[in-house]
C-alpha atoms as a PDB file:
ATOM      1  CA  MET A   1     119.275 164.659  60.785  1.00  0.00           C
ATOM      2  CA  ASN A   2     117.955 161.698  62.773  1.00  0.00           C
ATOM      3  CA  LYS A   3     119.930 160.704  65.842  1.00  0.00           C
ATOM      4  CA  VAL A   4     120.763 157.052  66.501  1.00  0.00           C
ATOM      5  CA  PHE A   5     122.402 155.218  69.383  1.00  0.00           C
ATOM      6  CA  VAL A   6     124.278 151.957  68.712  1.00  0.00           C
ATOM      7  CA  THR A   7     124.986 149.976  71.864  1.00  0.00           C
ATOM      8  CA  ARG A   8     128.291 148.395  70.725  1.00  0.00           C
ATOM      9  CA  PRO A   9     130.752 148.669  67.830  1.00  0.00           C
ATOM     10  CA  ILE A  10     129.514 146.759  64.767  1.00  0.00           C
ATOM     11  CA  PRO A  11     131.156 145.932  61.410  1.00  0.00           C
ATOM     12  CA  GLN A  12     132.301 149.088  59.648  1.00  0.00           C
ATOM     13  CA  SER A  13     130.544 148.393  56.347  1.00  0.00           C
ATOM     14  CA  ALA A  14     127.158 148.614  58.063  1.00  0.00           C
ATOM     15  CA  LEU A  15     128.145 151.409  60.421  1.00  0.00           C
ATOM     16  CA  GLY A  16     129.401 153.504  57.504  1.00  0.00           C
ATOM     17  CA  ARG A  17     126.045 153.201  55.743  1.00  0.00           C
ATOM     18  CA  LEU A  18     124.262 154.293  58.898  1.00  0.00           C
ATOM     19  CA  ARG A  19     126.553 157.292  59.395  1.00  0.00           C
ATOM     20  CA  ARG A  20     125.723 158.535  55.891  1.00  0.00           C
ATOM     21  CA  GLU A  21     122.057 158.879  56.815  1.00  0.00           C
ATOM     22  CA  ALA A  22     122.002 159.682  60.520  1.00  0.00           C
ATOM     23  CA  THR A  23     123.960 161.192  63.376  1.00  0.00           C
ATOM     24  CA  VAL A  24     125.340 158.134  65.100  1.00  0.00           C
ATOM     25  CA  GLU A  25     126.684 157.634  68.606  1.00  0.00           C
ATOM     26  CA  VAL A  26     128.317 154.267  69.319  1.00  0.00           C
ATOM     27  CA  TRP A  27     128.942 153.001  72.843  1.00  0.00           C
ATOM     28  CA  PRO A  28     132.722 152.590  72.764  1.00  0.00           C
ATOM     29  CA  GLY A  29     133.491 149.814  75.216  1.00  0.00           C
ATOM     30  CA  PRO A  30     133.510 146.038  74.826  1.00  0.00           C
ATOM     31  CA  GLN A  31     130.903 145.717  77.590  1.00  0.00           C
ATOM     32  CA  PRO A  32     127.219 146.654  77.186  1.00  0.00           C
ATOM     33  CA  PRO A  33     126.250 150.091  78.477  1.00  0.00           C
ATOM     34  CA  PRO A  34     124.855 149.914  82.015  1.00  0.00           C
ATOM     35  CA  TYR A  35     121.093 150.254  82.055  1.00  0.00           C
ATOM     36  CA  GLN A  36     121.012 153.840  83.331  1.00  0.00           C
ATOM     37  CA  GLU A  37     123.608 154.864  80.726  1.00  0.00           C
ATOM     38  CA  LEU A  38     121.564 153.130  78.052  1.00  0.00           C
ATOM     39  CA  ARG A  39     118.499 155.092  79.102  1.00  0.00           C
ATOM     40  CA  ARG A  40     120.426 158.357  79.117  1.00  0.00           C
ATOM     41  CA  HIS A  41     121.881 157.851  75.654  1.00  0.00           C
ATOM     42  CA  VAL A  42     118.633 156.630  74.073  1.00  0.00           C
ATOM     43  CA  ALA A  43     116.478 159.416  75.559  1.00  0.00           C
ATOM     44  CA  PRO A  44     117.194 162.009  72.810  1.00  0.00           C
ATOM     45  CA  CYS A  45     117.333 159.486  69.947  1.00  0.00           C
ATOM     46  CA  ASP A  46     115.059 158.684  67.019  1.00  0.00           C
ATOM     47  CA  GLY A  47     116.488 155.189  66.559  1.00  0.00           C
ATOM     48  CA  LEU A  48     118.146 152.475  68.634  1.00  0.00           C
ATOM     49  CA  LEU A  49     120.345 149.667  67.317  1.00  0.00           C
ATOM     50  CA  CYS A  50     120.735 147.225  70.187  1.00  0.00           C
ATOM     51  CA  LEU A  51     121.999 143.748  71.022  1.00  0.00           C
ATOM     52  CA  LEU A  52     120.484 140.910  73.011  1.00  0.00           C
ATOM     53  CA  THR A  53     122.580 142.001  76.009  1.00  0.00           C
ATOM     54  CA  ASP A  54     120.649 145.298  76.263  1.00  0.00           C
ATOM     55  CA  ARG A  55     117.513 145.544  78.412  1.00  0.00           C
ATOM     56  CA  VAL A  56     115.019 147.552  76.392  1.00  0.00           C
ATOM     57  CA  ASP A  57     112.041 147.615  78.730  1.00  0.00           C
ATOM     58  CA  ALA A  58     108.892 149.715  79.028  1.00  0.00           C
ATOM     59  CA  GLU A  59     110.641 152.213  81.291  1.00  0.00           C
ATOM     60  CA  LEU A  60     113.410 152.845  78.780  1.00  0.00           C
ATOM     61  CA  ILE A  61     110.952 153.142  75.905  1.00  0.00           C
ATOM     62  CA  ALA A  62     108.823 155.620  77.861  1.00  0.00           C
ATOM     63  CA  SER A  63     111.891 157.737  78.634  1.00  0.00           C
ATOM     64  CA  ALA A  64     112.679 158.225  74.919  1.00  0.00           C
ATOM     65  CA  PRO A  65     109.867 160.404  73.497  1.00  0.00           C
ATOM     66  CA  ARG A  66     111.491 160.731  70.052  1.00  0.00           C
ATOM     67  CA  LEU A  67     112.171 157.031  69.595  1.00  0.00           C
ATOM     68  CA  ARG A  68     110.603 155.743  66.360  1.00  0.00           C
ATOM     69  CA  VAL A  69     112.376 152.469  65.654  1.00  0.00           C
ATOM     70  CA  ILE A  70     114.240 149.745  67.565  1.00  0.00           C
ATOM     71  CA  SER A  71     116.497 147.439  65.580  1.00  0.00           C
ATOM     72  CA  GLN A  72     118.047 144.405  67.233  1.00  0.00           C
ATOM     73  CA  MET A  73     121.177 142.799  65.778  1.00  0.00           C
ATOM     74  CA  ALA A  74     120.014 139.306  66.701  1.00  0.00           C
ATOM     75  CA  VAL A  75     117.332 136.798  65.823  1.00  0.00           C
ATOM     76  CA  GLY A  76     115.839 136.628  69.311  1.00  0.00           C
ATOM     77  CA  TYR A  77     114.311 139.647  71.017  1.00  0.00           C
ATOM     78  CA  ASP A  78     113.283 138.470  74.485  1.00  0.00           C
ATOM     79  CA  ASN A  79     115.317 141.369  75.942  1.00  0.00           C
ATOM     80  CA  ILE A  80     112.907 143.876  74.362  1.00  0.00           C
ATOM     81  CA  ASP A  81     109.446 144.730  75.705  1.00  0.00           C
ATOM     82  CA  VAL A  82     107.774 144.378  72.319  1.00  0.00           C
ATOM     83  CA  ALA A  83     104.328 145.065  73.778  1.00  0.00           C
ATOM     84  CA  ALA A  84     105.495 148.425  75.152  1.00  0.00           C
ATOM     85  CA  ALA A  85     107.061 149.311  71.799  1.00  0.00           C
ATOM     86  CA  THR A  86     103.896 148.317  69.943  1.00  0.00           C
ATOM     87  CA  ALA A  87     101.774 150.436  72.267  1.00  0.00           C
ATOM     88  CA  ARG A  88     103.901 153.405  71.226  1.00  0.00           C
ATOM     89  CA  GLY A  89     103.678 152.470  67.551  1.00  0.00           C
ATOM     90  CA  ILE A  90     107.397 151.695  67.434  1.00  0.00           C
ATOM     91  CA  PRO A  91     108.386 148.896  65.027  1.00  0.00           C
ATOM     92  CA  VAL A  92     110.962 146.412  66.318  1.00  0.00           C
ATOM     93  CA  GLY A  93     113.362 144.804  63.853  1.00  0.00           C
ATOM     94  CA  HIS A  94     115.537 141.696  64.106  1.00  0.00           C
ATOM     95  CA  THR A  95     117.837 139.638  61.873  1.00  0.00           C
ATOM     96  CA  PRO A  96     116.270 136.225  61.166  1.00  0.00           C
ATOM     97  CA  GLY A  97     117.652 133.526  58.895  1.00  0.00           C
ATOM     98  CA  VAL A  98     121.138 134.935  58.449  1.00  0.00           C
ATOM     99  CA  LEU A  99     122.830 133.006  61.248  1.00  0.00           C
ATOM    100  CA  THR A 100     121.324 129.607  60.505  1.00  0.00           C
ATOM    101  CA  GLU A 101     124.356 127.924  58.965  1.00  0.00           C
ATOM    102  CA  ALA A 102     126.925 129.438  61.339  1.00  0.00           C
ATOM    103  CA  THR A 103     124.912 128.367  64.389  1.00  0.00           C
ATOM    104  CA  ALA A 104     124.386 124.884  62.969  1.00  0.00           C
ATOM    105  CA  ASP A 105     128.150 124.601  62.444  1.00  0.00           C
ATOM    106  CA  LEU A 106     128.797 125.620  66.052  1.00  0.00           C
ATOM    107  CA  THR A 107     126.161 123.166  67.261  1.00  0.00           C
ATOM    108  CA  TRP A 108     128.047 120.371  65.564  1.00  0.00           C
ATOM    109  CA  ALA A 109     131.336 121.603  66.999  1.00  0.00           C
ATOM    110  CA  LEU A 110     129.778 121.239  70.463  1.00  0.00           C
ATOM    111  CA  ILE A 111     128.235 117.854  69.663  1.00  0.00           C
ATOM    112  CA  LEU A 112     131.553 116.436  68.480  1.00  0.00           C
ATOM    113  CA  ALA A 113     133.650 118.015  71.210  1.00  0.00           C
ATOM    114  CA  THR A 114     131.270 116.936  73.968  1.00  0.00           C
ATOM    115  CA  ALA A 115     130.605 113.427  72.674  1.00  0.00           C
ATOM    116  CA  ARG A 116     134.294 112.703  72.109  1.00  0.00           C
ATOM    117  CA  ARG A 117     135.523 114.588  75.206  1.00  0.00           C
ATOM    118  CA  VAL A 118     137.876 116.811  73.246  1.00  0.00           C
ATOM    119  CA  LEU A 119     138.267 119.432  75.991  1.00  0.00           C
ATOM    120  CA  ASP A 120     138.843 116.700  78.573  1.00  0.00           C
ATOM    121  CA  GLY A 121     141.652 115.382  76.384  1.00  0.00           C
ATOM    122  CA  VAL A 122     143.277 118.798  76.084  1.00  0.00           C
ATOM    123  CA  ARG A 123     143.123 119.295  79.846  1.00  0.00           C
ATOM    124  CA  PHE A 124     144.498 115.787  80.366  1.00  0.00           C
ATOM    125  CA  ILE A 125     147.582 116.650  78.296  1.00  0.00           C
ATOM    126  CA  GLU A 126     148.012 120.101  79.836  1.00  0.00           C
ATOM    127  CA  ALA A 127     148.004 118.524  83.306  1.00  0.00           C
ATOM    128  CA  GLY A 128     150.872 116.243  82.285  1.00  0.00           C
ATOM    129  CA  ARG A 129     148.760 113.113  82.721  1.00  0.00           C
ATOM    130  CA  TRP A 130     149.294 111.621  79.245  1.00  0.00           C
ATOM    131  CA  THR A 131     151.837 108.875  79.892  1.00  0.00           C
ATOM    132  CA  THR A 132     150.584 106.021  77.696  1.00  0.00           C
ATOM    133  CA  TRP A 133     147.732 104.818  75.491  1.00  0.00           C
ATOM    134  CA  ASP A 134     144.924 103.751  77.806  1.00  0.00           C
ATOM    135  CA  PRO A 135     142.260 101.329  76.512  1.00  0.00           C
ATOM    136  CA  MET A 136     139.789 102.717  79.068  1.00  0.00           C
ATOM    137  CA  GLY A 137     140.819 106.353  78.958  1.00  0.00           C
ATOM    138  CA  LEU A 138     138.536 109.245  77.957  1.00  0.00           C
ATOM    139  CA  LEU A 139     135.816 107.023  76.543  1.00  0.00           C
ATOM    140  CA  GLY A 140     133.051 109.007  74.876  1.00  0.00           C
ATOM    141  CA  LEU A 141     129.909 108.606  72.818  1.00  0.00           C
ATOM    142  CA  GLU A 142     130.161 107.246  69.273  1.00  0.00           C
ATOM    143  CA  LEU A 143     127.956 109.374  67.027  1.00  0.00           C
ATOM    144  CA  HIS A 144     127.750 107.089  63.999  1.00  0.00           C
ATOM    145  CA  GLY A 145     124.390 105.332  64.178  1.00  0.00           C
ATOM    146  CA  ALA A 146     123.338 107.181  67.337  1.00  0.00           C
ATOM    147  CA  THR A 147     119.997 108.969  67.763  1.00  0.00           C
ATOM    148  CA  LEU A 148     119.900 112.764  67.593  1.00  0.00           C
ATOM    149  CA  GLY A 149     116.861 114.440  69.131  1.00  0.00           C
ATOM    150  CA  ILE A 150     116.151 117.987  67.945  1.00  0.00           C
ATOM    151  CA  VAL A 151     113.935 120.209  70.077  1.00  0.00           C
ATOM    152  CA  GLY A 152     112.565 122.729  67.596  1.00  0.00           C
ATOM    153  CA  LEU A 153     112.797 121.920  63.887  1.00  0.00           C
ATOM    154  CA  GLY A 154     113.044 125.510  62.672  1.00  0.00           C
ATOM    155  CA  ARG A 155     115.717 126.871  60.354  1.00  0.00           C
ATOM    156  CA  ILE A 156     118.612 126.077  62.679  1.00  0.00           C
ATOM    157  CA  GLY A 157     117.209 122.750  63.853  1.00  0.00           C
ATOM    158  CA  ALA A 158     116.752 121.643  60.248  1.00  0.00           C
ATOM    159  CA  ALA A 159     120.291 122.755  59.337  1.00  0.00           C
ATOM    160  CA  VAL A 160     121.645 120.703  62.253  1.00  0.00           C
ATOM    161  CA  ALA A 161     119.601 117.722  61.064  1.00  0.00           C
ATOM    162  CA  ARG A 162     120.998 117.986  57.528  1.00  0.00           C
ATOM    163  CA  ARG A 163     124.538 117.791  58.895  1.00  0.00           C
ATOM    164  CA  ALA A 164     123.678 114.575  60.748  1.00  0.00           C
ATOM    165  CA  ALA A 165     123.283 112.665  57.480  1.00  0.00           C
ATOM    166  CA  GLY A 166     127.023 112.098  57.227  1.00  0.00           C
ATOM    167  CA  PHE A 167     126.990 110.344  60.591  1.00  0.00           C
ATOM    168  CA  GLY A 168     124.203 107.928  59.666  1.00  0.00           C
ATOM    169  CA  MET A 169     122.190 109.082  62.652  1.00  0.00           C
ATOM    170  CA  ARG A 170     118.573 108.376  63.432  1.00  0.00           C
ATOM    171  CA  LEU A 171     116.762 111.714  63.735  1.00  0.00           C
ATOM    172  CA  LEU A 172     113.875 112.576  66.033  1.00  0.00           C
ATOM    173  CA  TYR A 173     112.329 115.992  66.473  1.00  0.00           C
ATOM    174  CA  THR A 174     109.714 117.573  68.700  1.00  0.00           C
ATOM    175  CA  GLY A 175     107.910 120.873  68.950  1.00  0.00           C
ATOM    176  CA  PRO A 176     104.461 122.369  69.407  1.00  0.00           C
ATOM    177  CA  ARG A 177     103.352 120.942  66.044  1.00  0.00           C
ATOM    178  CA  GLU A 178     104.540 118.463  63.456  1.00  0.00           C
ATOM    179  CA  LYS A 179     106.386 119.734  60.379  1.00  0.00           C
ATOM    180  CA  PRO A 180     106.018 116.917  57.851  1.00  0.00           C
ATOM    181  CA  ALA A 181     107.513 118.749  54.871  1.00  0.00           C
ATOM    182  CA  VAL A 182     110.617 119.905  56.752  1.00  0.00           C
ATOM    183  CA  ALA A 183     110.974 116.551  58.486  1.00  0.00           C
ATOM    184  CA  ALA A 184     110.781 114.646  55.213  1.00  0.00           C
ATOM    185  CA  GLY A 185     113.499 116.848  53.756  1.00  0.00           C
ATOM    186  CA  VAL A 186     115.951 116.006  56.538  1.00  0.00           C
ATOM    187  CA  GLY A 187     114.803 112.447  57.295  1.00  0.00           C
ATOM    188  CA  ALA A 188     113.467 113.176  60.787  1.00  0.00           C
ATOM    189  CA  THR A 189     110.573 111.541  62.637  1.00  0.00           C
ATOM    190  CA  TYR A 190     108.251 113.379  65.003  1.00  0.00           C
ATOM    191  CA  ALA A 191     108.149 112.277  68.637  1.00  0.00           C
ATOM    192  CA  ASP A 192     106.573 113.762  71.725  1.00  0.00           C
ATOM    193  CA  PHE A 193     108.989 115.446  74.130  1.00  0.00           C
ATOM    194  CA  GLU A 194     109.202 112.558  76.592  1.00  0.00           C
ATOM    195  CA  THR A 195     109.770 109.954  73.885  1.00  0.00           C
ATOM    196  CA  LEU A 196     112.507 112.064  72.328  1.00  0.00           C
ATOM    197  CA  LEU A 197     114.258 112.361  75.696  1.00  0.00           C
ATOM    198  CA  ARG A 198     114.056 108.625  76.365  1.00  0.00           C
ATOM    199  CA  GLU A 199     115.370 107.577  72.947  1.00  0.00           C
ATOM    200  CA  SER A 200     118.008 110.190  72.051  1.00  0.00           C
ATOM    201  CA  ASP A 201     121.741 109.839  72.611  1.00  0.00           C
ATOM    202  CA  VAL A 202     122.205 113.544  71.823  1.00  0.00           C
ATOM    203  CA  VAL A 203     119.538 116.168  72.532  1.00  0.00           C
ATOM    204  CA  SER A 204     120.042 119.519  70.802  1.00  0.00           C
ATOM    205  CA  ILE A 205     117.913 122.555  71.706  1.00  0.00           C
ATOM    206  CA  HIS A 206     116.736 124.922  68.962  1.00  0.00           C
ATOM    207  CA  CYS A 207     113.449 126.330  70.265  1.00  0.00           C
ATOM    208  CA  PRO A 208     112.813 129.957  71.310  1.00  0.00           C
ATOM    209  CA  LEU A 209     112.724 131.034  74.943  1.00  0.00           C
ATOM    210  CA  THR A 210     109.081 131.577  75.902  1.00  0.00           C
ATOM    211  CA  PRO A 211     107.115 131.179  79.138  1.00  0.00           C
ATOM    212  CA  ALA A 212     106.318 127.640  77.953  1.00  0.00           C
ATOM    213  CA  THR A 213     109.963 126.699  77.309  1.00  0.00           C
ATOM    214  CA  ARG A 214     111.618 128.405  80.303  1.00  0.00           C
ATOM    215  CA  HIS A 215     113.345 125.627  82.254  1.00  0.00           C
ATOM    216  CA  LEU A 216     111.836 123.079  79.884  1.00  0.00           C
ATOM    217  CA  PHE A 217     114.917 121.038  80.728  1.00  0.00           C
ATOM    218  CA  ASP A 218     114.446 120.559  84.443  1.00  0.00           C
ATOM    219  CA  ALA A 219     115.200 117.688  86.828  1.00  0.00           C
ATOM    220  CA  ARG A 220     112.287 115.655  85.462  1.00  0.00           C
ATOM    221  CA  ALA A 221     113.438 116.087  81.861  1.00  0.00           C
ATOM    222  CA  PHE A 222     116.989 115.066  82.697  1.00  0.00           C
ATOM    223  CA  ALA A 223     115.744 111.998  84.572  1.00  0.00           C
ATOM    224  CA  LEU A 224     113.928 110.912  81.406  1.00  0.00           C
ATOM    225  CA  MET A 225     117.058 111.171  79.261  1.00  0.00           C
ATOM    226  CA  LYS A 226     119.132 108.107  78.464  1.00  0.00           C
ATOM    227  CA  PRO A 227     121.980 107.382  80.862  1.00  0.00           C
ATOM    228  CA  GLY A 228     125.114 108.743  79.216  1.00  0.00           C
ATOM    229  CA  ALA A 229     123.229 111.023  76.792  1.00  0.00           C
ATOM    230  CA  ILE A 230     124.541 114.519  76.126  1.00  0.00           C
ATOM    231  CA  LEU A 231     122.709 117.846  75.981  1.00  0.00           C
ATOM    232  CA  ILE A 232     123.560 120.650  73.551  1.00  0.00           C
ATOM    233  CA  ASN A 233     122.121 124.161  73.837  1.00  0.00           C
ATOM    234  CA  THR A 234     122.741 126.883  71.246  1.00  0.00           C
ATOM    235  CA  ALA A 235     119.309 128.501  71.669  1.00  0.00           C
ATOM    236  CA  ARG A 236     118.742 130.409  74.940  1.00  0.00           C
ATOM    237  CA  GLY A 237     120.193 129.739  78.371  1.00  0.00           C
ATOM    238  CA  GLY A 238     116.859 130.065  80.175  1.00  0.00           C
ATOM    239  CA  ILE A 239     115.506 126.936  78.493  1.00  0.00           C
ATOM    240  CA  VAL A 240     117.758 124.866  80.790  1.00  0.00           C
ATOM    241  CA  ASP A 241     117.558 124.762  84.582  1.00  0.00           C
ATOM    242  CA  HIS A 242     121.290 124.986  85.323  1.00  0.00           C
ATOM    243  CA  LYS A 243     120.974 123.542  88.841  1.00  0.00           C
ATOM    244  CA  ALA A 244     119.177 120.481  87.477  1.00  0.00           C
ATOM    245  CA  LEU A 245     121.788 120.139  84.715  1.00  0.00           C
ATOM    246  CA  LEU A 246     124.596 120.323  87.253  1.00  0.00           C
ATOM    247  CA  ASP A 247     122.989 117.576  89.337  1.00  0.00           C
ATOM    248  CA  ALA A 248     122.460 115.358  86.272  1.00  0.00           C
ATOM    249  CA  VAL A 249     126.115 115.693  85.242  1.00  0.00           C
ATOM    250  CA  ARG A 250     127.522 115.350  88.750  1.00  0.00           C
ATOM    251  CA  ASP A 251     125.642 112.142  89.493  1.00  0.00           C
ATOM    252  CA  GLY A 252     126.804 110.652  86.178  1.00  0.00           C
ATOM    253  CA  HIS A 253     123.359 110.308  84.624  1.00  0.00           C
ATOM    254  CA  LEU A 254     124.279 112.583  81.725  1.00  0.00           C
ATOM    255  CA  GLY A 255     127.405 111.958  79.697  1.00  0.00           C
ATOM    256  CA  GLY A 256     128.003 115.680  79.292  1.00  0.00           C
ATOM    257  CA  ALA A 257     126.700 118.988  78.015  1.00  0.00           C
ATOM    258  CA  GLY A 258     127.806 121.554  75.439  1.00  0.00           C
ATOM    259  CA  LEU A 259     126.443 125.054  76.039  1.00  0.00           C
ATOM    260  CA  ASP A 260     126.874 128.145  73.901  1.00  0.00           C
ATOM    261  CA  VAL A 261     124.225 129.980  75.931  1.00  0.00           C
ATOM    262  CA  THR A 262     123.764 130.249  79.678  1.00  0.00           C
ATOM    263  CA  GLU A 263     121.646 132.033  82.266  1.00  0.00           C
ATOM    264  CA  PRO A 264     123.001 134.516  83.153  1.00  0.00           C
ATOM    265  CA  GLU A 265     125.532 135.437  80.477  1.00  0.00           C
ATOM    266  CA  PRO A 266     128.306 135.264  81.276  1.00  0.00           C
ATOM    267  CA  LEU A 267     128.196 132.677  84.030  1.00  0.00           C
ATOM    268  CA  PRO A 268     130.166 133.768  87.102  1.00  0.00           C
ATOM    269  CA  ALA A 269     133.676 132.330  87.057  1.00  0.00           C
ATOM    270  CA  ASP A 270     132.935 130.411  90.256  1.00  0.00           C
ATOM    271  CA  HIS A 271     129.705 128.847  88.968  1.00  0.00           C
ATOM    272  CA  PRO A 272     129.940 125.085  89.596  1.00  0.00           C
ATOM    273  CA  LEU A 273     129.099 124.263  85.974  1.00  0.00           C
ATOM    274  CA  MET A 274     132.353 125.938  84.950  1.00  0.00           C
ATOM    275  CA  ALA A 275     134.354 123.364  86.886  1.00  0.00           C
ATOM    276  CA  GLN A 276     132.631 120.270  85.511  1.00  0.00           C
ATOM    277  CA  GLU A 277     134.870 118.152  83.290  1.00  0.00           C
ATOM    278  CA  ARG A 278     131.933 116.913  81.236  1.00  0.00           C
ATOM    279  CA  VAL A 279     130.511 120.407  80.566  1.00  0.00           C
ATOM    280  CA  LEU A 280     131.859 122.492  77.675  1.00  0.00           C
ATOM    281  CA  ILE A 281     130.810 126.162  77.667  1.00  0.00           C
ATOM    282  CA  THR A 282     131.489 128.633  74.858  1.00  0.00           C
ATOM    283  CA  PRO A 283     130.744 132.399  75.085  1.00  0.00           C
ATOM    284  CA  HIS A 284     127.644 132.658  72.842  1.00  0.00           C
ATOM    285  CA  ILE A 285     129.574 132.402  69.570  1.00  0.00           C
ATOM    286  CA  GLY A 286     126.953 130.640  67.449  1.00  0.00           C
ATOM    287  CA  SER A 287     126.892 133.449  64.886  1.00  0.00           C
ATOM    288  CA  ALA A 288     130.545 134.461  65.305  1.00  0.00           C
ATOM    289  CA  THR A 289     131.821 134.281  61.757  1.00  0.00           C
ATOM    290  CA  VAL A 290     132.946 137.309  59.775  1.00  0.00           C
ATOM    291  CA  ARG A 291     130.344 136.743  57.069  1.00  0.00           C
ATOM    292  CA  THR A 292     127.424 136.170  59.428  1.00  0.00           C
ATOM    293  CA  ARG A 293     128.115 139.039  61.811  1.00  0.00           C
ATOM    294  CA  THR A 294     128.603 141.421  58.878  1.00  0.00           C
ATOM    295  CA  ARG A 295     125.309 140.341  57.340  1.00  0.00           C
ATOM    296  CA  MET A 296     123.537 140.681  60.700  1.00  0.00           C
ATOM    297  CA  ALA A 297     124.820 144.250  61.057  1.00  0.00           C
ATOM    298  CA  GLU A 298     123.718 145.092  57.518  1.00  0.00           C
ATOM    299  CA  MET A 299     120.229 143.734  58.175  1.00  0.00           C
ATOM    300  CA  ALA A 300     119.979 145.622  61.468  1.00  0.00           C
ATOM    301  CA  VAL A 301     120.972 148.867  59.759  1.00  0.00           C
ATOM    302  CA  ALA A 302     118.488 148.253  56.935  1.00  0.00           C
ATOM    303  CA  ASN A 303     115.723 147.806  59.507  1.00  0.00           C
ATOM    304  CA  LEU A 304     116.775 150.949  61.354  1.00  0.00           C
ATOM    305  CA  LEU A 305     116.951 153.138  58.269  1.00  0.00           C
ATOM    306  CA  ALA A 306     113.582 151.917  57.030  1.00  0.00           C
ATOM    307  CA  GLY A 307     112.028 152.832  60.361  1.00  0.00           C
ATOM    308  CA  LEU A 308     113.593 156.285  60.328  1.00  0.00           C
ATOM    309  CA  ARG A 309     112.181 156.877  56.837  1.00  0.00           C
ATOM    310  CA  GLY A 310     108.731 155.781  57.928  1.00  0.00           C
ATOM    311  CA  GLU A 311     108.897 152.666  55.747  1.00  0.00           C
ATOM    312  CA  PRO A 312     107.976 149.112  56.827  1.00  0.00           C
ATOM    313  CA  LEU A 313     110.915 147.267  58.315  1.00  0.00           C
ATOM    314  CA  PRO A 314     112.213 144.411  56.113  1.00  0.00           C
ATOM    315  CA  HIS A 315     112.251 142.145  59.177  1.00  0.00           C
ATOM    316  CA  CYS A 316     109.710 143.304  61.745  1.00  0.00           C
ATOM    317  CA  VAL A 317     108.637 141.358  64.827  1.00  0.00           C
ATOM    318  CA  ASN A 318     105.516 143.474  65.477  1.00  0.00           C
ATOM    319  CA  PRO A 319     103.984 144.245  62.054  1.00  0.00           C
ATOM    320  CA  GLU A 320     100.717 145.124  63.784  1.00  0.00           C
ATOM    321  CA  VAL A 321     102.174 148.621  64.292  1.00  0.00           C
ATOM    322  CA  TYR A 322     101.424 149.227  60.621  1.00  0.00           C
ATOM    323  CA  THR A 323      97.792 148.136  60.814  1.00  0.00           C
ATOM    324  CA  GLY A 324      96.710 149.125  64.321  1.00  0.00           C
END
């Protein structure tokens, strides 16, 4: 029977299906396996089901001579050396599409909480500072009629845009190319990156992390943003230069930031962003609903089992392995 290593406990419905068709070892702890442990456990395996917290590099792939399929329980896969896997003829699976609505919901939770300073208000009460109604206290950004700039009008970006309709917002989007059909469906207008930064009250990031987008939001980008604008990131932490973000919040140029992703993850407890009143950080929970995480696990298992059977993966990031 094929041997599989799963790098963290996953929903039982998916794990049970996997156990019926393979010998499965699951890393038991709540933390990811250390890299050397990951290598040791994957070495004798035919399949790997991993998470975005696992470094699956060329060295690890080379150390696992039996490995025939890698299945990631995530949409992104920048933690995997796909080129090294492809060179070995190993298909790499992921779980696209399934977390769109959950992540869009979380994006709006961050937009609302950051714009209206919800966490600041909670801290204000907890510190015993609420003594009266203050006409100048905890003033935030009014979203109705504001401009929302979406960086990356993919599935999640479009879902975020659809939710903006109820707020009567003006919608701008940017990306490497225009998407007229998608934009028309959500009422968005294309703008170049700099124009979007200058005109948006809220900027929400939904592009992938690539060499071109790493630290796309740097000191220059923040300087172009409207005074008092807020930044939301539910994509990848590396798209934002955290030092530049800290400076933009500290000097009052930005009205705040809501981050579900950081670089690194987690941020150290003493990182200065953690202490900023106008910065709200959540622990990468964009897909954290029961329904979405269960579906992600089921898709990851389906990819893994297909690879073990020698069948094309339903959701493969390197389909060239089947034609090369």
